[in-house]
């Protein structure tokens, strides 16, 4: 497999436990749900699945580097990745339990999420050397594993000439914000939502930036990268270091569950760029896929396969 046709996702693998409620509980409040359902999740695994489904039939390889526990959750998560056509040779089994996310979804489709990291914090960038036989052109990172290991993975990617797509979600903790300069220095593409864009700009000494678009433009200009800010139902806007701006709308929908929409966007964006599509067309496809993912309960359940997105190729 040629290197330019490979994507490597370095990140979290979780099992999600989801409960539907009338309203998300406030501090000290108990709310009732008729049932809890289990779904495969973790931002890393979600993005790998989204990419693999869209890459199907293109010759693009999607590999996952992650960690799972020696438990039934881990076995099920590993099988799910394989069933989606993902190369799992870099998924390690460790002594910590498989990561688990507890998610409540309200009547509007909005969610609140608590993640028990477990095995995800045992993920090591040192295991990436085993991937040398098929070096990726693009590595995808998020913020649900150790920042130290994320940075090491990004530097490894730069050393082999790969591009780094960093989804800065969830927003950096207070302890991590002191290393934002290091993080941004090794990113080629940065994907953030409105809240994350403003939080990063404020952490870098720009509290006066009042709009997510201004924050994204500041990040792109200051670090010479492409910053894409997702704005929910309105779509996404990209700012490039040279000042170019690209806005793409999202199709109107009545969402059932927004869990995993951002991960769908990132995974489909990565697969589309690897396929040779332009930034604008890649964003259009990613917005369409993210909208479709909101129509089904569960992070991965609604992620579309390639045929659902239309026949957009490099020649389109």
C-alpha atoms as a PDB file:
ATOM      1  CA  UNK A   1       0.000   0.000   0.000  1.00  0.00           C
ATOM      2  CA  UNK A   2       1.430   3.344  -1.012  1.00  0.00           C
ATOM      3  CA  UNK A   3       2.086   5.698   1.882  1.00  0.00           C
ATOM      4  CA  UNK A   4       0.012   8.512   0.402  1.00  0.00           C
ATOM      5  CA  UNK A   5      -3.066   6.263   0.572  1.00  0.00           C
ATOM      6  CA  UNK A   6      -2.852   5.597   4.314  1.00  0.00           C
ATOM      7  CA  UNK A   7      -4.494   7.311   7.302  1.00  0.00           C
ATOM      8  CA  UNK A   8      -3.483   6.569  10.898  1.00  0.00           C
ATOM      9  CA  UNK A   9      -5.802   7.491  13.770  1.00  0.00           C
ATOM     10  CA  UNK A  10      -4.036   7.723  17.146  1.00  0.00           C
ATOM     11  CA  UNK A  11      -6.567   7.970  19.943  1.00  0.00           C
ATOM     12  CA  UNK A  12      -9.236   6.660  22.264  1.00  0.00           C
ATOM     13  CA  UNK A  13     -11.404   3.556  22.105  1.00  0.00           C
ATOM     14  CA  UNK A  14     -14.493   3.460  24.350  1.00  0.00           C
ATOM     15  CA  UNK A  15     -17.761   1.720  24.901  1.00  0.00           C
ATOM     16  CA  UNK A  16     -20.562   4.295  25.244  1.00  0.00           C
ATOM     17  CA  UNK A  17     -23.508   3.854  27.612  1.00  0.00           C
ATOM     18  CA  UNK A  18     -26.321   6.144  26.455  1.00  0.00           C
ATOM     19  CA  UNK A  19     -29.527   7.163  28.260  1.00  0.00           C
ATOM     20  CA  UNK A  20     -32.257   9.358  26.751  1.00  0.00           C
ATOM     21  CA  UNK A  21     -33.789  11.921  29.132  1.00  0.00           C
ATOM     22  CA  UNK A  22     -36.254  14.786  28.965  1.00  0.00           C
ATOM     23  CA  UNK A  23     -33.593  17.186  30.237  1.00  0.00           C
ATOM     24  CA  UNK A  24     -29.936  16.686  31.147  1.00  0.00           C
ATOM     25  CA  UNK A  25     -29.449  16.546  34.919  1.00  0.00           C
ATOM     26  CA  UNK A  26     -28.171  19.628  36.709  1.00  0.00           C
ATOM     27  CA  UNK A  27     -25.712  19.344  39.637  1.00  0.00           C
ATOM     28  CA  UNK A  28     -27.387  17.472  42.509  1.00  0.00           C
ATOM     29  CA  UNK A  29     -30.369  16.444  40.372  1.00  0.00           C
ATOM     30  CA  UNK A  30     -31.495  12.907  39.472  1.00  0.00           C
ATOM     31  CA  UNK A  31     -33.416  12.295  36.254  1.00  0.00           C
ATOM     32  CA  UNK A  32     -34.954   9.054  35.020  1.00  0.00           C
ATOM     33  CA  UNK A  33     -34.464   7.337  31.684  1.00  0.00           C
ATOM     34  CA  UNK A  34     -36.485   4.363  30.435  1.00  0.00           C
ATOM     35  CA  UNK A  35     -33.341   2.437  29.441  1.00  0.00           C
ATOM     36  CA  UNK A  36     -29.625   2.588  28.707  1.00  0.00           C
ATOM     37  CA  UNK A  37     -28.149   1.433  25.408  1.00  0.00           C
ATOM     38  CA  UNK A  38     -24.532   0.545  24.629  1.00  0.00           C
ATOM     39  CA  UNK A  39     -22.670   1.741  21.542  1.00  0.00           C
ATOM     40  CA  UNK A  40     -19.096   1.701  20.302  1.00  0.00           C
ATOM     41  CA  UNK A  41     -17.328   5.025  20.770  1.00  0.00           C
ATOM     42  CA  UNK A  42     -14.211   6.926  21.753  1.00  0.00           C
ATOM     43  CA  UNK A  43     -13.209   9.901  19.641  1.00  0.00           C
ATOM     44  CA  UNK A  44     -10.321   8.027  18.044  1.00  0.00           C
ATOM     45  CA  UNK A  45     -12.355   4.933  17.187  1.00  0.00           C
ATOM     46  CA  UNK A  46     -15.259   7.083  15.975  1.00  0.00           C
ATOM     47  CA  UNK A  47     -13.026   9.026  13.605  1.00  0.00           C
ATOM     48  CA  UNK A  48     -11.395   5.836  12.329  1.00  0.00           C
ATOM     49  CA  UNK A  49     -14.793   4.259  11.616  1.00  0.00           C
ATOM     50  CA  UNK A  50     -16.064   7.406   9.865  1.00  0.00           C
ATOM     51  CA  UNK A  51     -12.938   7.529   7.704  1.00  0.00           C
ATOM     52  CA  UNK A  52     -12.971   3.805   6.905  1.00  0.00           C
ATOM     53  CA  UNK A  53     -16.604   3.802   5.789  1.00  0.00           C
ATOM     54  CA  UNK A  54     -16.018   6.674   3.371  1.00  0.00           C
ATOM     55  CA  UNK A  55     -12.687   5.263   2.189  1.00  0.00           C
ATOM     56  CA  UNK A  56     -14.275   1.929   1.297  1.00  0.00           C
ATOM     57  CA  UNK A  57     -13.309   0.881  -2.224  1.00  0.00           C
ATOM     58  CA  UNK A  58     -10.807   3.707  -2.754  1.00  0.00           C
ATOM     59  CA  UNK A  59      -7.648   1.804  -1.827  1.00  0.00           C
ATOM     60  CA  UNK A  60      -7.075   4.092   1.172  1.00  0.00           C
ATOM     61  CA  UNK A  61      -6.008   2.190   4.292  1.00  0.00           C
ATOM     62  CA  UNK A  62      -7.297   3.375   7.692  1.00  0.00           C
ATOM     63  CA  UNK A  63      -5.343   2.117  10.720  1.00  0.00           C
ATOM     64  CA  UNK A  64      -6.102   2.606  14.412  1.00  0.00           C
ATOM     65  CA  UNK A  65      -3.509   2.993  17.182  1.00  0.00           C
ATOM     66  CA  UNK A  66      -5.180   2.630  20.564  1.00  0.00           C
ATOM     67  CA  UNK A  67      -5.403   0.630  23.789  1.00  0.00           C
ATOM     68  CA  UNK A  68      -8.111  -1.608  25.239  1.00  0.00           C
ATOM     69  CA  UNK A  69      -8.490  -3.627  28.432  1.00  0.00           C
ATOM     70  CA  UNK A  70      -8.507  -7.376  28.975  1.00  0.00           C
ATOM     71  CA  UNK A  71     -12.280  -7.423  29.239  1.00  0.00           C
ATOM     72  CA  UNK A  72     -15.416  -8.106  27.165  1.00  0.00           C
ATOM     73  CA  UNK A  73     -15.774  -4.405  26.320  1.00  0.00           C
ATOM     74  CA  UNK A  74     -12.290  -4.421  24.788  1.00  0.00           C
ATOM     75  CA  UNK A  75     -12.930  -7.591  22.806  1.00  0.00           C
ATOM     76  CA  UNK A  76     -16.152  -6.140  21.410  1.00  0.00           C
ATOM     77  CA  UNK A  77     -14.505  -2.817  20.519  1.00  0.00           C
ATOM     78  CA  UNK A  78     -11.659  -4.575  18.704  1.00  0.00           C
ATOM     79  CA  UNK A  79     -14.070  -6.728  16.701  1.00  0.00           C
ATOM     80  CA  UNK A  80     -16.086  -3.655  15.760  1.00  0.00           C
ATOM     81  CA  UNK A  81     -12.999  -1.908  14.369  1.00  0.00           C
ATOM     82  CA  UNK A  82     -12.107  -4.967  12.308  1.00  0.00           C
ATOM     83  CA  UNK A  83     -15.699  -5.280  11.067  1.00  0.00           C
ATOM     84  CA  UNK A  84     -15.414  -1.715   9.739  1.00  0.00           C
ATOM     85  CA  UNK A  85     -12.316  -2.607   7.731  1.00  0.00           C
ATOM     86  CA  UNK A  86      -9.799  -0.904  10.023  1.00  0.00           C
ATOM     87  CA  UNK A  87      -6.226  -2.148  10.425  1.00  0.00           C
ATOM     88  CA  UNK A  88      -5.957  -2.923  14.168  1.00  0.00           C
ATOM     89  CA  UNK A  89      -2.359  -4.149  14.406  1.00  0.00           C
ATOM     90  CA  UNK A  90      -1.508  -1.088  16.529  1.00  0.00           C
ATOM     91  CA  UNK A  91      -4.283  -1.638  19.089  1.00  0.00           C
ATOM     92  CA  UNK A  92      -2.652  -2.832  22.343  1.00  0.00           C
ATOM     93  CA  UNK A  93      -4.268  -4.813  25.152  1.00  0.00           C
ATOM     94  CA  UNK A  94      -3.259  -3.421  28.568  1.00  0.00           C
ATOM     95  CA  UNK A  95      -4.030  -4.043  32.245  1.00  0.00           C
ATOM     96  CA  UNK A  96      -6.334  -1.013  32.637  1.00  0.00           C
ATOM     97  CA  UNK A  97     -10.060  -1.469  31.815  1.00  0.00           C
ATOM     98  CA  UNK A  98     -11.389  -0.455  28.425  1.00  0.00           C
ATOM     99  CA  UNK A  99     -12.470   3.199  28.291  1.00  0.00           C
ATOM    100  CA  UNK A 100     -16.140   3.898  28.914  1.00  0.00           C
ATOM    101  CA  UNK A 101     -18.282   6.983  28.246  1.00  0.00           C
ATOM    102  CA  UNK A 102     -21.527   7.804  30.054  1.00  0.00           C
ATOM    103  CA  UNK A 103     -23.808   9.888  27.824  1.00  0.00           C
ATOM    104  CA  UNK A 104     -27.210  11.487  28.395  1.00  0.00           C
ATOM    105  CA  UNK A 105     -29.174  12.792  25.421  1.00  0.00           C
ATOM    106  CA  UNK A 106     -32.109  15.206  25.817  1.00  0.00           C
ATOM    107  CA  UNK A 107     -35.217  15.713  23.685  1.00  0.00           C
ATOM    108  CA  UNK A 108     -33.437  18.223  21.424  1.00  0.00           C
ATOM    109  CA  UNK A 109     -30.616  15.776  20.653  1.00  0.00           C
ATOM    110  CA  UNK A 110     -28.085  17.666  22.789  1.00  0.00           C
ATOM    111  CA  UNK A 111     -25.796  15.606  25.005  1.00  0.00           C
ATOM    112  CA  UNK A 112     -23.645  15.608  28.137  1.00  0.00           C
ATOM    113  CA  UNK A 113     -20.715  13.184  28.301  1.00  0.00           C
ATOM    114  CA  UNK A 114     -18.456  11.858  31.072  1.00  0.00           C
ATOM    115  CA  UNK A 115     -15.510   9.702  29.966  1.00  0.00           C
ATOM    116  CA  UNK A 116     -13.712   7.143  32.156  1.00  0.00           C
ATOM    117  CA  UNK A 117     -10.391   6.997  30.293  1.00  0.00           C
ATOM    118  CA  UNK A 118      -9.100   3.633  31.518  1.00  0.00           C
ATOM    119  CA  UNK A 119      -6.861   1.954  28.936  1.00  0.00           C
ATOM    120  CA  UNK A 120      -6.767   5.055  26.741  1.00  0.00           C
ATOM    121  CA  UNK A 121      -4.227   6.657  29.045  1.00  0.00           C
ATOM    122  CA  UNK A 122      -1.888   3.678  28.497  1.00  0.00           C
ATOM    123  CA  UNK A 123      -1.584   4.417  24.765  1.00  0.00           C
ATOM    124  CA  UNK A 124       2.077   4.935  23.827  1.00  0.00           C
ATOM    125  CA  UNK A 125       3.476   6.696  20.747  1.00  0.00           C
ATOM    126  CA  UNK A 126       6.445   4.320  20.867  1.00  0.00           C
ATOM    127  CA  UNK A 127       4.269   1.581  19.350  1.00  0.00           C
ATOM    128  CA  UNK A 128       4.009   3.567  16.097  1.00  0.00           C
ATOM    129  CA  UNK A 129       7.399   2.308  14.922  1.00  0.00           C
ATOM    130  CA  UNK A 130       5.647  -0.947  14.045  1.00  0.00           C
ATOM    131  CA  UNK A 131       3.769   0.986  11.354  1.00  0.00           C
ATOM    132  CA  UNK A 132       6.947   1.750   9.401  1.00  0.00           C
ATOM    133  CA  UNK A 133       6.072  -0.743   6.656  1.00  0.00           C
ATOM    134  CA  UNK A 134       3.220   1.516   5.509  1.00  0.00           C
ATOM    135  CA  UNK A 135       3.955   5.051   6.733  1.00  0.00           C
ATOM    136  CA  UNK A 136       0.793   7.190   6.638  1.00  0.00           C
ATOM    137  CA  UNK A 137       0.477  10.476   4.815  1.00  0.00           C
ATOM    138  CA  UNK A 138      -1.983  11.733   7.439  1.00  0.00           C
ATOM    139  CA  UNK A 139      -2.215  11.126  11.187  1.00  0.00           C
ATOM    140  CA  UNK A 140      -5.387  12.092  13.071  1.00  0.00           C
ATOM    141  CA  UNK A 141      -5.205  13.090  16.766  1.00  0.00           C
ATOM    142  CA  UNK A 142      -7.706  14.144  19.439  1.00  0.00           C
ATOM    143  CA  UNK A 143      -7.546  15.023  23.146  1.00  0.00           C
ATOM    144  CA  UNK A 144      -8.835  11.864  24.889  1.00  0.00           C
ATOM    145  CA  UNK A 145      -5.374  10.344  25.365  1.00  0.00           C
ATOM    146  CA  UNK A 146      -2.218  11.649  27.039  1.00  0.00           C
ATOM    147  CA  UNK A 147      -1.095  14.999  25.619  1.00  0.00           C
ATOM    148  CA  UNK A 148       2.518  13.880  26.006  1.00  0.00           C
ATOM    149  CA  UNK A 149       1.864  10.820  23.834  1.00  0.00           C
ATOM    150  CA  UNK A 150      -0.143  12.869  21.342  1.00  0.00           C
ATOM    151  CA  UNK A 151       2.781  15.259  20.940  1.00  0.00           C
ATOM    152  CA  UNK A 152       5.190  12.348  20.522  1.00  0.00           C
ATOM    153  CA  UNK A 153       2.917  10.835  17.863  1.00  0.00           C
ATOM    154  CA  UNK A 154       2.698  14.175  16.044  1.00  0.00           C
ATOM    155  CA  UNK A 155       6.475  14.578  16.056  1.00  0.00           C
ATOM    156  CA  UNK A 156       6.888  11.019  14.770  1.00  0.00           C
ATOM    157  CA  UNK A 157       4.475  11.886  11.961  1.00  0.00           C
ATOM    158  CA  UNK A 158       6.418  15.022  11.059  1.00  0.00           C
ATOM    159  CA  UNK A 159       9.678  13.061  11.045  1.00  0.00           C
ATOM    160  CA  UNK A 160       8.306  10.668   8.400  1.00  0.00           C
ATOM    161  CA  UNK A 161       6.763  13.490   6.348  1.00  0.00           C
ATOM    162  CA  UNK A 162       3.122  12.909   7.303  1.00  0.00           C
ATOM    163  CA  UNK A 163       0.555  15.668   7.782  1.00  0.00           C
ATOM    164  CA  UNK A 164      -0.999  16.129  11.243  1.00  0.00           C
ATOM    165  CA  UNK A 165      -4.751  16.698  11.604  1.00  0.00           C
ATOM    166  CA  UNK A 166      -5.467  17.593  15.223  1.00  0.00           C
ATOM    167  CA  UNK A 167      -9.027  17.676  16.538  1.00  0.00           C
ATOM    168  CA  UNK A 168      -8.701  19.758  19.694  1.00  0.00           C
ATOM    169  CA  UNK A 169     -11.574  18.008  21.464  1.00  0.00           C
ATOM    170  CA  UNK A 170     -12.336  17.939  24.244  1.00  0.00           C
ATOM    171  CA  UNK A 171     -10.924  21.408  24.920  1.00  0.00           C
ATOM    172  CA  UNK A 172      -7.507  21.318  26.670  1.00  0.00           C
ATOM    173  CA  UNK A 173      -7.510  21.128  30.449  1.00  0.00           C
ATOM    174  CA  UNK A 174      -5.937  23.870  32.545  1.00  0.00           C
ATOM    175  CA  UNK A 175      -2.788  21.737  32.919  1.00  0.00           C
ATOM    176  CA  UNK A 176      -2.536  21.217  29.155  1.00  0.00           C
ATOM    177  CA  UNK A 177      -2.986  24.836  28.096  1.00  0.00           C
ATOM    178  CA  UNK A 178       0.617  25.687  28.882  1.00  0.00           C
ATOM    179  CA  UNK A 179       1.679  23.401  26.041  1.00  0.00           C
ATOM    180  CA  UNK A 180      -0.641  24.754  23.345  1.00  0.00           C
ATOM    181  CA  UNK A 181       2.292  26.353  21.529  1.00  0.00           C
ATOM    182  CA  UNK A 182       3.939  22.936  21.190  1.00  0.00           C
ATOM    183  CA  UNK A 183       0.701  21.394  19.989  1.00  0.00           C
ATOM    184  CA  UNK A 184      -0.061  24.035  17.388  1.00  0.00           C
ATOM    185  CA  UNK A 185       3.522  24.059  16.126  1.00  0.00           C
ATOM    186  CA  UNK A 186       3.188  20.450  14.904  1.00  0.00           C
ATOM    187  CA  UNK A 187      -0.355  20.714  13.477  1.00  0.00           C
ATOM    188  CA  UNK A 188      -1.078  21.147   9.766  1.00  0.00           C
ATOM    189  CA  UNK A 189      -4.855  21.110  10.148  1.00  0.00           C
ATOM    190  CA  UNK A 190      -6.703  22.012  13.330  1.00  0.00           C
ATOM    191  CA  UNK A 191     -10.404  21.203  13.806  1.00  0.00           C
ATOM    192  CA  UNK A 192     -12.267  22.889  16.675  1.00  0.00           C
ATOM    193  CA  UNK A 193     -15.852  23.745  17.547  1.00  0.00           C
ATOM    194  CA  UNK A 194     -16.923  27.236  18.569  1.00  0.00           C
ATOM    195  CA  UNK A 195     -16.262  26.712  22.279  1.00  0.00           C
ATOM    196  CA  UNK A 196     -12.863  25.114  21.680  1.00  0.00           C
ATOM    197  CA  UNK A 197     -11.753  27.884  19.309  1.00  0.00           C
ATOM    198  CA  UNK A 198     -12.507  30.587  21.886  1.00  0.00           C
ATOM    199  CA  UNK A 199     -10.941  28.595  24.739  1.00  0.00           C
ATOM    200  CA  UNK A 200      -7.688  28.135  22.827  1.00  0.00           C
ATOM    201  CA  UNK A 201      -7.500  31.793  21.798  1.00  0.00           C
ATOM    202  CA  UNK A 202      -8.077  32.887  25.411  1.00  0.00           C
ATOM    203  CA  UNK A 203      -5.399  30.466  26.651  1.00  0.00           C
ATOM    204  CA  UNK A 204      -2.941  32.027  24.195  1.00  0.00           C
ATOM    205  CA  UNK A 205      -3.518  35.500  25.615  1.00  0.00           C
ATOM    206  CA  UNK A 206      -6.281  36.681  23.301  1.00  0.00           C
ATOM    207  CA  UNK A 207      -9.308  36.947  25.630  1.00  0.00           C
ATOM    208  CA  UNK A 208     -10.598  39.888  23.585  1.00  0.00           C
ATOM    209  CA  UNK A 209     -11.406  37.542  20.690  1.00  0.00           C
ATOM    210  CA  UNK A 210     -15.170  37.345  21.007  1.00  0.00           C
ATOM    211  CA  UNK A 211     -16.204  35.210  18.041  1.00  0.00           C
ATOM    212  CA  UNK A 212     -15.140  31.710  17.056  1.00  0.00           C
ATOM    213  CA  UNK A 213     -14.378  32.853  13.495  1.00  0.00           C
ATOM    214  CA  UNK A 214     -11.980  35.492  14.792  1.00  0.00           C
ATOM    215  CA  UNK A 215     -10.316  32.901  17.012  1.00  0.00           C
ATOM    216  CA  UNK A 216      -9.910  30.430  14.123  1.00  0.00           C
ATOM    217  CA  UNK A 217      -8.472  33.129  11.858  1.00  0.00           C
ATOM    218  CA  UNK A 218      -6.034  34.125  14.623  1.00  0.00           C
ATOM    219  CA  UNK A 219      -4.864  30.523  15.079  1.00  0.00           C
ATOM    220  CA  UNK A 220      -4.413  29.965  11.331  1.00  0.00           C
ATOM    221  CA  UNK A 221      -2.489  33.201  10.868  1.00  0.00           C
ATOM    222  CA  UNK A 222      -0.318  32.838  13.973  1.00  0.00           C
ATOM    223  CA  UNK A 223       0.733  29.230  13.407  1.00  0.00           C
ATOM    224  CA  UNK A 224       0.643  28.913   9.621  1.00  0.00           C
ATOM    225  CA  UNK A 225      -1.931  26.128   9.675  1.00  0.00           C
ATOM    226  CA  UNK A 226      -5.448  25.539   8.392  1.00  0.00           C
ATOM    227  CA  UNK A 227      -8.012  25.949  11.183  1.00  0.00           C
ATOM    228  CA  UNK A 228     -11.525  24.616  10.615  1.00  0.00           C
ATOM    229  CA  UNK A 229     -14.197  25.684  13.087  1.00  0.00           C
ATOM    230  CA  UNK A 230     -17.398  23.647  13.112  1.00  0.00           C
ATOM    231  CA  UNK A 231     -20.521  25.651  13.905  1.00  0.00           C
ATOM    232  CA  UNK A 232     -23.166  22.993  14.392  1.00  0.00           C
ATOM    233  CA  UNK A 233     -26.238  23.321  12.205  1.00  0.00           C
ATOM    234  CA  UNK A 234     -24.600  26.178  10.287  1.00  0.00           C
ATOM    235  CA  UNK A 235     -21.772  24.006   8.897  1.00  0.00           C
ATOM    236  CA  UNK A 236     -18.053  24.795   9.047  1.00  0.00           C
ATOM    237  CA  UNK A 237     -15.584  27.530   8.135  1.00  0.00           C
ATOM    238  CA  UNK A 238     -11.901  27.054   7.292  1.00  0.00           C
ATOM    239  CA  UNK A 239      -9.215  29.685   7.698  1.00  0.00           C
ATOM    240  CA  UNK A 240      -5.824  29.155   6.095  1.00  0.00           C
ATOM    241  CA  UNK A 241      -2.558  30.718   7.136  1.00  0.00           C
ATOM    242  CA  UNK A 242      -2.485  32.802   3.944  1.00  0.00           C
ATOM    243  CA  UNK A 243      -5.823  34.412   4.814  1.00  0.00           C
ATOM    244  CA  UNK A 244      -8.101  32.309   2.617  1.00  0.00           C
ATOM    245  CA  UNK A 245     -11.548  31.636   4.068  1.00  0.00           C
ATOM    246  CA  UNK A 246     -13.875  28.801   3.013  1.00  0.00           C
ATOM    247  CA  UNK A 247     -17.410  28.490   4.394  1.00  0.00           C
ATOM    248  CA  UNK A 248     -19.554  25.385   3.863  1.00  0.00           C
ATOM    249  CA  UNK A 249     -23.190  25.060   5.039  1.00  0.00           C
ATOM    250  CA  UNK A 250     -24.674  21.959   6.652  1.00  0.00           C
ATOM    251  CA  UNK A 251     -27.915  20.479   5.280  1.00  0.00           C
ATOM    252  CA  UNK A 252     -30.945  21.202   7.491  1.00  0.00           C
ATOM    253  CA  UNK A 253     -32.034  18.267   9.666  1.00  0.00           C
ATOM    254  CA  UNK A 254     -34.076  17.481  12.783  1.00  0.00           C
ATOM    255  CA  UNK A 255     -31.360  15.884  14.968  1.00  0.00           C
ATOM    256  CA  UNK A 256     -32.029  12.824  17.093  1.00  0.00           C
ATOM    257  CA  UNK A 257     -28.559  12.548  18.689  1.00  0.00           C
ATOM    258  CA  UNK A 258     -25.586  14.831  18.029  1.00  0.00           C
ATOM    259  CA  UNK A 259     -23.132  12.421  19.732  1.00  0.00           C
ATOM    260  CA  UNK A 260     -20.341  11.646  17.281  1.00  0.00           C
ATOM    261  CA  UNK A 261     -21.221  14.350  14.756  1.00  0.00           C
ATOM    262  CA  UNK A 262     -17.915  16.121  15.259  1.00  0.00           C
ATOM    263  CA  UNK A 263     -16.016  12.846  14.999  1.00  0.00           C
ATOM    264  CA  UNK A 264     -17.859  12.008  11.790  1.00  0.00           C
ATOM    265  CA  UNK A 265     -16.821  15.381  10.378  1.00  0.00           C
ATOM    266  CA  UNK A 266     -13.159  14.787  11.232  1.00  0.00           C
ATOM    267  CA  UNK A 267     -13.026  11.220   9.925  1.00  0.00           C
ATOM    268  CA  UNK A 268     -14.753  12.021   6.645  1.00  0.00           C
ATOM    269  CA  UNK A 269     -12.622  15.155   6.217  1.00  0.00           C
ATOM    270  CA  UNK A 270      -9.458  13.047   6.630  1.00  0.00           C
ATOM    271  CA  UNK A 271     -10.629  10.384   4.176  1.00  0.00           C
ATOM    272  CA  UNK A 272     -11.690  12.971   1.616  1.00  0.00           C
ATOM    273  CA  UNK A 273      -8.385  14.842   1.771  1.00  0.00           C
ATOM    274  CA  UNK A 274      -6.513  11.536   1.452  1.00  0.00           C
ATOM    275  CA  UNK A 275      -8.616  10.802  -1.625  1.00  0.00           C
ATOM    276  CA  UNK A 276      -7.371  13.998  -3.250  1.00  0.00           C
ATOM    277  CA  UNK A 277     -10.461  16.162  -2.892  1.00  0.00           C
ATOM    278  CA  UNK A 278     -10.079  19.910  -2.392  1.00  0.00           C
ATOM    279  CA  UNK A 279     -10.493  21.399   1.069  1.00  0.00           C
ATOM    280  CA  UNK A 280     -13.895  22.849   0.135  1.00  0.00           C
ATOM    281  CA  UNK A 281     -15.292  19.608  -1.301  1.00  0.00           C
ATOM    282  CA  UNK A 282     -13.856  17.642   1.635  1.00  0.00           C
ATOM    283  CA  UNK A 283     -15.650  19.985   4.032  1.00  0.00           C
ATOM    284  CA  UNK A 284     -18.899  19.682   2.080  1.00  0.00           C
ATOM    285  CA  UNK A 285     -18.746  15.909   2.292  1.00  0.00           C
ATOM    286  CA  UNK A 286     -17.826  16.072   6.002  1.00  0.00           C
ATOM    287  CA  UNK A 287     -20.764  18.392   6.784  1.00  0.00           C
ATOM    288  CA  UNK A 288     -23.159  16.104   4.932  1.00  0.00           C
ATOM    289  CA  UNK A 289     -21.863  13.043   6.762  1.00  0.00           C
ATOM    290  CA  UNK A 290     -22.016  14.769  10.169  1.00  0.00           C
ATOM    291  CA  UNK A 291     -25.627  15.773   9.519  1.00  0.00           C
ATOM    292  CA  UNK A 292     -26.556  12.219   8.586  1.00  0.00           C
ATOM    293  CA  UNK A 293     -24.874  10.906  11.741  1.00  0.00           C
ATOM    294  CA  UNK A 294     -27.243  13.034  13.864  1.00  0.00           C
ATOM    295  CA  UNK A 295     -30.285  11.129  12.594  1.00  0.00           C
ATOM    296  CA  UNK A 296     -29.527   7.912  14.531  1.00  0.00           C
ATOM    297  CA  UNK A 297     -28.921   7.298  18.245  1.00  0.00           C
ATOM    298  CA  UNK A 298     -25.272   6.470  19.034  1.00  0.00           C
ATOM    299  CA  UNK A 299     -21.936   7.857  17.886  1.00  0.00           C
ATOM    300  CA  UNK A 300     -21.121   5.293  15.174  1.00  0.00           C
ATOM    301  CA  UNK A 301     -24.539   3.890  14.334  1.00  0.00           C
ATOM    302  CA  UNK A 302     -25.464   6.754  12.002  1.00  0.00           C
ATOM    303  CA  UNK A 303     -22.073   7.271  10.378  1.00  0.00           C
ATOM    304  CA  UNK A 304     -22.691   6.964   6.634  1.00  0.00           C
ATOM    305  CA  UNK A 305     -21.009   4.615   4.202  1.00  0.00           C
ATOM    306  CA  UNK A 306     -19.470   5.978   1.037  1.00  0.00           C
ATOM    307  CA  UNK A 307     -22.493   5.483  -1.225  1.00  0.00           C
ATOM    308  CA  UNK A 308     -24.677   7.656   1.027  1.00  0.00           C
ATOM    309  CA  UNK A 309     -22.504  10.715   0.313  1.00  0.00           C
ATOM    310  CA  UNK A 310     -22.710  10.679  -3.464  1.00  0.00           C
ATOM    311  CA  UNK A 311     -19.995  10.050  -6.011  1.00  0.00           C
ATOM    312  CA  UNK A 312     -17.588  12.905  -5.342  1.00  0.00           C
ATOM    313  CA  UNK A 313     -14.056  12.109  -6.496  1.00  0.00           C
ATOM    314  CA  UNK A 314     -10.865  14.058  -7.251  1.00  0.00           C
ATOM    315  CA  UNK A 315     -12.260  14.881 -10.683  1.00  0.00           C
ATOM    316  CA  UNK A 316     -15.426  16.481  -9.248  1.00  0.00           C
END
